[in-house]
mmCIF file of all heavy atoms, coordinates in Angstrom:
data_MODEL
# 
_entry.id   MODEL 
# 
loop_
_atom_site.group_PDB 
_atom_site.id 
_atom_site.type_symbol 
_atom_site.label_atom_id 
_atom_site.label_alt_id 
_atom_site.label_comp_id 
_atom_site.label_asym_id 
_atom_site.label_entity_id 
_atom_site.label_seq_id 
_atom_site.pdbx_PDB_ins_code 
_atom_site.Cartn_x 
_atom_site.Cartn_y 
_atom_site.Cartn_z 
_atom_site.occupancy 
_atom_site.B_iso_or_equiv 
_atom_site.pdbx_formal_charge 
_atom_site.auth_seq_id 
_atom_site.auth_comp_id 
_atom_site.auth_asym_id 
_atom_site.auth_atom_id 
_atom_site.pdbx_PDB_model_num 
ATOM 1   N N   . GLN A 1 1  ? 63.451 12.727 49.625 1.00 0.00 ? 1  GLN A N   1 
ATOM 2   C CA  . GLN A 1 1  ? 63.087 12.593 48.218 1.00 0.00 ? 1  GLN A CA  1 
ATOM 3   C C   . GLN A 1 1  ? 63.911 11.512 47.535 1.00 0.00 ? 1  GLN A C   1 
ATOM 4   O O   . GLN A 1 1  ? 63.395 10.739 46.715 1.00 0.00 ? 1  GLN A O   1 
ATOM 5   C CB  . GLN A 1 1  ? 63.268 13.929 47.487 1.00 0.00 ? 1  GLN A CB  1 
ATOM 6   C CG  . GLN A 1 1  ? 62.250 14.983 47.856 1.00 0.00 ? 1  GLN A CG  1 
ATOM 7   C CD  . GLN A 1 1  ? 60.824 14.551 47.550 1.00 0.00 ? 1  GLN A CD  1 
ATOM 8   O OE1 . GLN A 1 1  ? 60.520 14.110 46.449 1.00 0.00 ? 1  GLN A OE1 1 
ATOM 9   N NE2 . GLN A 1 1  ? 59.938 14.662 48.532 1.00 0.00 ? 1  GLN A NE2 1 
ATOM 10  N N   . GLN A 1 2  ? 65.191 11.444 47.867 1.00 0.00 ? 2  GLN A N   1 
ATOM 11  C CA  . GLN A 1 2  ? 66.040 10.382 47.308 1.00 0.00 ? 2  GLN A CA  1 
ATOM 12  C C   . GLN A 1 2  ? 65.512 9.018  47.708 1.00 0.00 ? 2  GLN A C   1 
ATOM 13  O O   . GLN A 1 2  ? 65.511 8.066  46.930 1.00 0.00 ? 2  GLN A O   1 
ATOM 14  C CB  . GLN A 1 2  ? 67.484 10.552 47.798 1.00 0.00 ? 2  GLN A CB  1 
ATOM 15  C CG  . GLN A 1 2  ? 68.183 11.820 47.368 1.00 0.00 ? 2  GLN A CG  1 
ATOM 16  C CD  . GLN A 1 2  ? 68.518 11.845 45.891 1.00 0.00 ? 2  GLN A CD  1 
ATOM 17  O OE1 . GLN A 1 2  ? 68.666 10.813 45.272 1.00 0.00 ? 2  GLN A OE1 1 
ATOM 18  N NE2 . GLN A 1 2  ? 68.623 13.041 45.319 1.00 0.00 ? 2  GLN A NE2 1 
ATOM 19  N N   . LEU A 1 3  ? 65.044 8.913  48.966 1.00 0.00 ? 3  LEU A N   1 
ATOM 20  C CA  . LEU A 1 3  ? 64.521 7.641  49.446 1.00 0.00 ? 3  LEU A CA  1 
ATOM 21  C C   . LEU A 1 3  ? 63.241 7.249  48.707 1.00 0.00 ? 3  LEU A C   1 
ATOM 22  O O   . LEU A 1 3  ? 63.098 6.099  48.273 1.00 0.00 ? 3  LEU A O   1 
ATOM 23  C CB  . LEU A 1 3  ? 64.256 7.717  50.949 1.00 0.00 ? 3  LEU A CB  1 
ATOM 24  C CG  . LEU A 1 3  ? 63.692 6.441  51.596 1.00 0.00 ? 3  LEU A CG  1 
ATOM 25  C CD1 . LEU A 1 3  ? 64.368 6.156  52.936 1.00 0.00 ? 3  LEU A CD1 1 
ATOM 26  C CD2 . LEU A 1 3  ? 62.183 6.555  51.813 1.00 0.00 ? 3  LEU A CD2 1 
ATOM 27  N N   . ILE A 1 4  ? 62.299 8.190  48.565 1.00 0.00 ? 4  ILE A N   1 
ATOM 28  C CA  . ILE A 1 4  ? 61.039 7.816  47.910 1.00 0.00 ? 4  ILE A CA  1 
ATOM 29  C C   . ILE A 1 4  ? 61.261 7.515  46.423 1.00 0.00 ? 4  ILE A C   1 
ATOM 30  O O   . ILE A 1 4  ? 60.557 6.677  45.847 1.00 0.00 ? 4  ILE A O   1 
ATOM 31  C CB  . ILE A 1 4  ? 59.940 8.887  48.108 1.00 0.00 ? 4  ILE A CB  1 
ATOM 32  C CG1 . ILE A 1 4  ? 60.344 10.244 47.532 1.00 0.00 ? 4  ILE A CG1 1 
ATOM 33  C CG2 . ILE A 1 4  ? 59.588 9.022  49.569 1.00 0.00 ? 4  ILE A CG2 1 
ATOM 34  C CD1 . ILE A 1 4  ? 59.240 11.295 47.657 1.00 0.00 ? 4  ILE A CD1 1 
ATOM 35  N N   . GLU A 1 5  ? 62.248 8.158  45.814 1.00 0.00 ? 5  GLU A N   1 
ATOM 36  C CA  . GLU A 1 5  ? 62.582 7.828  44.434 1.00 0.00 ? 5  GLU A CA  1 
ATOM 37  C C   . GLU A 1 5  ? 63.177 6.425  44.360 1.00 0.00 ? 5  GLU A C   1 
ATOM 38  O O   . GLU A 1 5  ? 62.903 5.671  43.407 1.00 0.00 ? 5  GLU A O   1 
ATOM 39  C CB  . GLU A 1 5  ? 63.557 8.860  43.864 1.00 0.00 ? 5  GLU A CB  1 
ATOM 40  C CG  . GLU A 1 5  ? 62.906 10.214 43.592 1.00 0.00 ? 5  GLU A CG  1 
ATOM 41  C CD  . GLU A 1 5  ? 63.910 11.289 43.199 1.00 0.00 ? 5  GLU A CD  1 
ATOM 42  O OE1 . GLU A 1 5  ? 65.075 10.907 42.891 1.00 0.00 ? 5  GLU A OE1 1 
ATOM 43  O OE2 . GLU A 1 5  ? 63.557 12.479 43.203 1.00 0.00 ? 5  GLU A OE2 1 
ATOM 44  N N   . ASN A 1 6  ? 63.987 6.075  45.358 1.00 0.00 ? 6  ASN A N   1 
ATOM 45  C CA  . ASN A 1 6  ? 64.556 4.739  45.439 1.00 0.00 ? 6  ASN A CA  1 
ATOM 46  C C   . ASN A 1 6  ? 63.447 3.684  45.568 1.00 0.00 ? 6  ASN A C   1 
ATOM 47  O O   . ASN A 1 6  ? 63.496 2.614  44.957 1.00 0.00 ? 6  ASN A O   1 
ATOM 48  C CB  . ASN A 1 6  ? 65.520 4.657  46.620 1.00 0.00 ? 6  ASN A CB  1 
ATOM 49  C CG  . ASN A 1 6  ? 66.281 3.343  46.696 1.00 0.00 ? 6  ASN A CG  1 
ATOM 50  O OD1 . ASN A 1 6  ? 66.453 2.789  47.776 1.00 0.00 ? 6  ASN A OD1 1 
ATOM 51  N ND2 . ASN A 1 6  ? 66.751 2.836  45.576 1.00 0.00 ? 6  ASN A ND2 1 
ATOM 52  N N   . VAL A 1 7  ? 62.437 3.999  46.381 1.00 0.00 ? 7  VAL A N   1 
ATOM 53  C CA  . VAL A 1 7  ? 61.297 3.096  46.550 1.00 0.00 ? 7  VAL A CA  1 
ATOM 54  C C   . VAL A 1 7  ? 60.529 2.935  45.236 1.00 0.00 ? 7  VAL A C   1 
ATOM 55  O O   . VAL A 1 7  ? 60.166 1.817  44.845 1.00 0.00 ? 7  VAL A O   1 
ATOM 56  C CB  . VAL A 1 7  ? 60.351 3.608  47.666 1.00 0.00 ? 7  VAL A CB  1 
ATOM 57  C CG1 . VAL A 1 7  ? 59.022 2.865  47.644 1.00 0.00 ? 7  VAL A CG1 1 
ATOM 58  C CG2 . VAL A 1 7  ? 61.018 3.460  49.025 1.00 0.00 ? 7  VAL A CG2 1 
ATOM 59  N N   . LYS A 1 8  ? 60.295 4.041  44.534 1.00 0.00 ? 8  LYS A N   1 
ATOM 60  C CA  . LYS A 1 8  ? 59.553 3.982  43.269 1.00 0.00 ? 8  LYS A CA  1 
ATOM 61  C C   . LYS A 1 8  ? 60.318 3.181  42.223 1.00 0.00 ? 8  LYS A C   1 
ATOM 62  O O   . LYS A 1 8  ? 59.727 2.391  41.465 1.00 0.00 ? 8  LYS A O   1 
ATOM 63  C CB  . LYS A 1 8  ? 59.288 5.403  42.761 1.00 0.00 ? 8  LYS A CB  1 
ATOM 64  C CG  . LYS A 1 8  ? 58.236 6.155  43.560 1.00 0.00 ? 8  LYS A CG  1 
ATOM 65  C CD  . LYS A 1 8  ? 58.058 7.575  43.034 1.00 0.00 ? 8  LYS A CD  1 
ATOM 66  C CE  . LYS A 1 8  ? 57.012 8.331  43.857 1.00 0.00 ? 8  LYS A CE  1 
ATOM 67  N NZ  . LYS A 1 8  ? 56.871 9.745  43.406 1.00 0.00 ? 8  LYS A NZ  1 
ATOM 68  N N   . GLU A 1 9  ? 61.641 3.351  42.176 1.00 0.00 ? 9  GLU A N   1 
ATOM 69  C CA  . GLU A 1 9  ? 62.456 2.619  41.201 1.00 0.00 ? 9  GLU A CA  1 
ATOM 70  C C   . GLU A 1 9  ? 62.414 1.116  41.465 1.00 0.00 ? 9  GLU A C   1 
ATOM 71  O O   . GLU A 1 9  ? 62.336 0.309  40.542 1.00 0.00 ? 9  GLU A O   1 
ATOM 72  C CB  . GLU A 1 9  ? 63.902 3.114  41.258 1.00 0.00 ? 9  GLU A CB  1 
ATOM 73  C CG  . GLU A 1 9  ? 64.113 4.503  40.687 1.00 0.00 ? 9  GLU A CG  1 
ATOM 74  C CD  . GLU A 1 9  ? 65.520 5.010  40.915 1.00 0.00 ? 9  GLU A CD  1 
ATOM 75  O OE1 . GLU A 1 9  ? 66.354 4.226  41.438 1.00 0.00 ? 9  GLU A OE1 1 
ATOM 76  O OE2 . GLU A 1 9  ? 65.797 6.176  40.581 1.00 0.00 ? 9  GLU A OE2 1 
ATOM 77  N N   . GLN A 1 10 ? 62.484 0.744  42.759 1.00 0.00 ? 10 GLN A N   1 
ATOM 78  C CA  . GLN A 1 10 ? 62.533 -0.671 43.102 1.00 0.00 ? 10 GLN A CA  1 
ATOM 79  C C   . GLN A 1 10 ? 61.173 -1.348 43.058 1.00 0.00 ? 10 GLN A C   1 
ATOM 80  O O   . GLN A 1 10 ? 61.050 -2.488 42.587 1.00 0.00 ? 10 GLN A O   1 
ATOM 81  C CB  . GLN A 1 10 ? 63.101 -0.845 44.515 1.00 0.00 ? 10 GLN A CB  1 
ATOM 82  C CG  . GLN A 1 10 ? 64.564 -0.543 44.681 1.00 0.00 ? 10 GLN A CG  1 
ATOM 83  C CD  . GLN A 1 10 ? 65.027 -0.954 46.060 1.00 0.00 ? 10 GLN A CD  1 
ATOM 84  O OE1 . GLN A 1 10 ? 65.299 -2.127 46.326 1.00 0.00 ? 10 GLN A OE1 1 
ATOM 85  N NE2 . GLN A 1 10 ? 65.101 0.006  46.969 1.00 0.00 ? 10 GLN A NE2 1 
ATOM 86  N N   . PHE A 1 11 ? 60.141 -0.650 43.576 1.00 0.00 ? 11 PHE A N   1 
ATOM 87  C CA  . PHE A 1 11 ? 58.864 -1.318 43.814 1.00 0.00 ? 11 PHE A CA  1 
ATOM 88  C C   . PHE A 1 11 ? 57.676 -0.674 43.105 1.00 0.00 ? 11 PHE A C   1 
ATOM 89  O O   . PHE A 1 11 ? 56.574 -1.207 43.136 1.00 0.00 ? 11 PHE A O   1 
ATOM 90  C CB  . PHE A 1 11 ? 58.588 -1.384 45.322 1.00 0.00 ? 11 PHE A CB  1 
ATOM 91  C CG  . PHE A 1 11 ? 59.756 -1.917 46.113 1.00 0.00 ? 11 PHE A CG  1 
ATOM 92  C CD1 . PHE A 1 11 ? 60.500 -1.070 46.935 1.00 0.00 ? 11 PHE A CD1 1 
ATOM 93  C CD2 . PHE A 1 11 ? 60.129 -3.248 46.018 1.00 0.00 ? 11 PHE A CD2 1 
ATOM 94  C CE1 . PHE A 1 11 ? 61.578 -1.550 47.651 1.00 0.00 ? 11 PHE A CE1 1 
ATOM 95  C CE2 . PHE A 1 11 ? 61.210 -3.736 46.722 1.00 0.00 ? 11 PHE A CE2 1 
ATOM 96  C CZ  . PHE A 1 11 ? 61.946 -2.894 47.542 1.00 0.00 ? 11 PHE A CZ  1 
ATOM 97  N N   . GLY A 1 12 ? 57.911 0.477  42.466 1.00 0.00 ? 12 GLY A N   1 
ATOM 98  C CA  . GLY A 1 12 ? 56.851 1.101  41.691 1.00 0.00 ? 12 GLY A CA  1 
ATOM 99  C C   . GLY A 1 12 ? 55.708 1.664  42.498 1.00 0.00 ? 12 GLY A C   1 
ATOM 100 O O   . GLY A 1 12 ? 54.577 1.780  41.994 1.00 0.00 ? 12 GLY A O   1 
ATOM 101 N N   . VAL A 1 13 ? 55.944 2.016  43.764 1.00 0.00 ? 13 VAL A N   1 
ATOM 102 C CA  . VAL A 1 13 ? 54.892 2.564  44.620 1.00 0.00 ? 13 VAL A CA  1 
ATOM 103 C C   . VAL A 1 13 ? 55.370 3.847  45.296 1.00 0.00 ? 13 VAL A C   1 
ATOM 104 O O   . VAL A 1 13 ? 56.569 4.102  45.401 1.00 0.00 ? 13 VAL A O   1 
ATOM 105 C CB  . VAL A 1 13 ? 54.449 1.557  45.704 1.00 0.00 ? 13 VAL A CB  1 
ATOM 106 C CG1 . VAL A 1 13 ? 53.790 0.346  45.057 1.00 0.00 ? 13 VAL A CG1 1 
ATOM 107 C CG2 . VAL A 1 13 ? 55.616 1.141  46.571 1.00 0.00 ? 13 VAL A CG2 1 
ATOM 108 N N   . SER A 1 14 ? 54.400 4.625  45.751 1.00 0.00 ? 14 SER A N   1 
ATOM 109 C CA  . SER A 1 14 ? 54.690 5.844  46.498 1.00 0.00 ? 14 SER A CA  1 
ATOM 110 C C   . SER A 1 14 ? 54.493 5.590  47.985 1.00 0.00 ? 14 SER A C   1 
ATOM 111 O O   . SER A 1 14 ? 53.709 4.729  48.384 1.00 0.00 ? 14 SER A O   1 
ATOM 112 C CB  . SER A 1 14 ? 53.768 6.981  46.049 1.00 0.00 ? 14 SER A CB  1 
ATOM 113 O OG  . SER A 1 14 ? 53.961 7.278  44.683 1.00 0.00 ? 14 SER A OG  1 
ATOM 114 N N   . ILE A 1 15 ? 55.196 6.356  48.799 1.00 0.00 ? 15 ILE A N   1 
ATOM 115 C CA  . ILE A 1 15 ? 55.025 6.273  50.253 1.00 0.00 ? 15 ILE A CA  1 
ATOM 116 C C   . ILE A 1 15 ? 53.999 7.303  50.680 1.00 0.00 ? 15 ILE A C   1 
ATOM 117 O O   . ILE A 1 15 ? 54.200 8.505  50.499 1.00 0.00 ? 15 ILE A O   1 
ATOM 118 C CB  . ILE A 1 15 ? 56.358 6.530  50.988 1.00 0.00 ? 15 ILE A CB  1 
ATOM 119 C CG1 . ILE A 1 15 ? 57.395 5.469  50.613 1.00 0.00 ? 15 ILE A CG1 1 
ATOM 120 C CG2 . ILE A 1 15 ? 56.140 6.536  52.498 1.00 0.00 ? 15 ILE A CG2 1 
ATOM 121 C CD1 . ILE A 1 15 ? 58.767 5.724  51.212 1.00 0.00 ? 15 ILE A CD1 1 
ATOM 122 N N   . LYS A 1 16 ? 52.890 6.812  51.243 1.00 0.00 ? 16 LYS A N   1 
ATOM 123 C CA  . LYS A 1 16 ? 51.863 7.724  51.725 1.00 0.00 ? 16 LYS A CA  1 
ATOM 124 C C   . LYS A 1 16 ? 51.776 7.713  53.253 1.00 0.00 ? 16 LYS A C   1 
ATOM 125 O O   . LYS A 1 16 ? 51.429 8.709  53.872 1.00 0.00 ? 16 LYS A O   1 
ATOM 126 C CB  . LYS A 1 16 ? 50.509 7.369  51.117 1.00 0.00 ? 16 LYS A CB  1 
ATOM 127 C CG  . LYS A 1 16 ? 50.473 7.494  49.596 1.00 0.00 ? 16 LYS A CG  1 
ATOM 128 C CD  . LYS A 1 16 ? 49.083 7.311  49.056 1.00 0.00 ? 16 LYS A CD  1 
ATOM 129 C CE  . LYS A 1 16 ? 49.052 7.309  47.535 1.00 0.00 ? 16 LYS A CE  1 
ATOM 130 N NZ  . LYS A 1 16 ? 49.697 8.477  46.915 1.00 0.00 ? 16 LYS A NZ  1 
ATOM 131 N N   . THR A 1 17 ? 52.095 6.591  53.848 1.00 0.00 ? 17 THR A N   1 
ATOM 132 C CA  . THR A 1 17 ? 52.119 6.502  55.307 1.00 0.00 ? 17 THR A CA  1 
ATOM 133 C C   . THR A 1 17 ? 53.206 5.529  55.729 1.00 0.00 ? 17 THR A C   1 
ATOM 134 O O   . THR A 1 17 ? 53.687 4.719  54.929 1.00 0.00 ? 17 THR A O   1 
ATOM 135 C CB  . THR A 1 17 ? 50.749 6.065  55.867 1.00 0.00 ? 17 THR A CB  1 
ATOM 136 O OG1 . THR A 1 17 ? 50.774 6.180  57.299 1.00 0.00 ? 17 THR A OG1 1 
ATOM 137 C CG2 . THR A 1 17 ? 50.416 4.634  55.487 1.00 0.00 ? 17 THR A CG2 1 
ATOM 138 N N   . ILE A 1 18 ? 53.577 5.633  56.996 1.00 0.00 ? 18 ILE A N   1 
ATOM 139 C CA  . ILE A 1 18 ? 54.690 4.853  57.554 1.00 0.00 ? 18 ILE A CA  1 
ATOM 140 C C   . ILE A 1 18 ? 54.285 4.445  58.962 1.00 0.00 ? 18 ILE A C   1 
ATOM 141 O O   . ILE A 1 18 ? 53.547 5.178  59.647 1.00 0.00 ? 18 ILE A O   1 
ATOM 142 C CB  . ILE A 1 18 ? 55.992 5.702  57.593 1.00 0.00 ? 18 ILE A CB  1 
ATOM 143 C CG1 . ILE A 1 18 ? 56.365 6.181  56.179 1.00 0.00 ? 18 ILE A CG1 1 
ATOM 144 C CG2 . ILE A 1 18 ? 57.151 4.920  58.197 1.00 0.00 ? 18 ILE A CG2 1 
ATOM 145 C CD1 . ILE A 1 18 ? 57.461 7.231  56.152 1.00 0.00 ? 18 ILE A CD1 1 
ATOM 146 N N   . GLY A 1 19 ? 54.769 3.286  59.406 1.00 0.00 ? 19 GLY A N   1 
ATOM 147 C CA  . GLY A 1 19 ? 54.420 2.826  60.748 1.00 0.00 ? 19 GLY A CA  1 
ATOM 148 C C   . GLY A 1 19 ? 54.960 3.713  61.847 1.00 0.00 ? 19 GLY A C   1 
ATOM 149 O O   . GLY A 1 19 ? 54.294 3.961  62.859 1.00 0.00 ? 19 GLY A O   1 
ATOM 150 N N   . ALA A 1 20 ? 56.167 4.217  61.659 1.00 0.00 ? 20 ALA A N   1 
ATOM 151 C CA  . ALA A 1 20 ? 56.800 5.099  62.649 1.00 0.00 ? 20 ALA A CA  1 
ATOM 152 C C   . ALA A 1 20 ? 57.972 5.803  61.987 1.00 0.00 ? 20 ALA A C   1 
ATOM 153 O O   . ALA A 1 20 ? 58.520 5.334  60.983 1.00 0.00 ? 20 ALA A O   1 
ATOM 154 C CB  . ALA A 1 20 ? 57.269 4.325  63.870 1.00 0.00 ? 20 ALA A CB  1 
ATOM 155 N N   . ILE A 1 21 ? 58.350 6.930  62.565 1.00 0.00 ? 21 ILE A N   1 
ATOM 156 C CA  . ILE A 1 21 ? 59.489 7.719  62.081 1.00 0.00 ? 21 ILE A CA  1 
ATOM 157 C C   . ILE A 1 21 ? 60.370 8.064  63.275 1.00 0.00 ? 21 ILE A C   1 
ATOM 158 O O   . ILE A 1 21 ? 59.876 8.286  64.389 1.00 0.00 ? 21 ILE A O   1 
ATOM 159 C CB  . ILE A 1 21 ? 59.029 9.022  61.389 1.00 0.00 ? 21 ILE A CB  1 
ATOM 160 C CG1 . ILE A 1 21 ? 58.124 8.708  60.193 1.00 0.00 ? 21 ILE A CG1 1 
ATOM 161 C CG2 . ILE A 1 21 ? 60.226 9.852  60.929 1.00 0.00 ? 21 ILE A CG2 1 
ATOM 162 C CD1 . ILE A 1 21 ? 57.540 9.961  59.529 1.00 0.00 ? 21 ILE A CD1 1 
ATOM 163 N N   . GLY A 1 22 ? 61.671 8.115  63.030 1.00 0.00 ? 22 GLY A N   1 
ATOM 164 C CA  . GLY A 1 22 ? 62.596 8.563  64.067 1.00 0.00 ? 22 GLY A CA  1 
ATOM 165 C C   . GLY A 1 22 ? 63.663 9.467  63.478 1.00 0.00 ? 22 GLY A C   1 
ATOM 166 O O   . GLY A 1 22 ? 64.110 9.260  62.348 1.00 0.00 ? 22 GLY A O   1 
ATOM 167 N N   . PHE A 1 23 ? 64.054 10.477 64.245 1.00 0.00 ? 23 PHE A N   1 
ATOM 168 C CA  . PHE A 1 23 ? 65.098 11.401 63.813 1.00 0.00 ? 23 PHE A CA  1 
ATOM 169 C C   . PHE A 1 23 ? 66.268 11.370 64.789 1.00 0.00 ? 23 PHE A C   1 
ATOM 170 O O   . PHE A 1 23 ? 66.082 11.319 66.006 1.00 0.00 ? 23 PHE A O   1 
ATOM 171 C CB  . PHE A 1 23 ? 64.565 12.833 63.710 1.00 0.00 ? 23 PHE A CB  1 
ATOM 172 C CG  . PHE A 1 23 ? 63.653 13.031 62.549 1.00 0.00 ? 23 PHE A CG  1 
ATOM 173 C CD1 . PHE A 1 23 ? 62.283 12.927 62.704 1.00 0.00 ? 23 PHE A CD1 1 
ATOM 174 C CD2 . PHE A 1 23 ? 64.158 13.281 61.281 1.00 0.00 ? 23 PHE A CD2 1 
ATOM 175 C CE1 . PHE A 1 23 ? 61.424 13.084 61.630 1.00 0.00 ? 23 PHE A CE1 1 
ATOM 176 C CE2 . PHE A 1 23 ? 63.310 13.443 60.201 1.00 0.00 ? 23 PHE A CE2 1 
ATOM 177 C CZ  . PHE A 1 23 ? 61.942 13.342 60.368 1.00 0.00 ? 23 PHE A CZ  1 
ATOM 178 N N   . SER A 1 24 ? 67.447 11.396 64.229 1.00 0.00 ? 24 SER A N   1 
ATOM 179 C CA  . SER A 1 24 ? 68.678 11.421 65.008 1.00 0.00 ? 24 SER A CA  1 
ATOM 180 C C   . SER A 1 24 ? 69.607 12.453 64.388 1.00 0.00 ? 24 SER A C   1 
ATOM 181 O O   . SER A 1 24 ? 69.447 12.831 63.230 1.00 0.00 ? 24 SER A O   1 
ATOM 182 C CB  . SER A 1 24 ? 69.331 10.028 64.989 1.00 0.00 ? 24 SER A CB  1 
ATOM 183 O OG  . SER A 1 24 ? 70.612 10.058 65.580 1.00 0.00 ? 24 SER A OG  1 
# 
């Protein structure tokens, strides 16, 4: 949530899809 808020603040868009995800 912190990341998507960071994206909205910088670029004014929401994240609906992503090319790939990885967890560590």
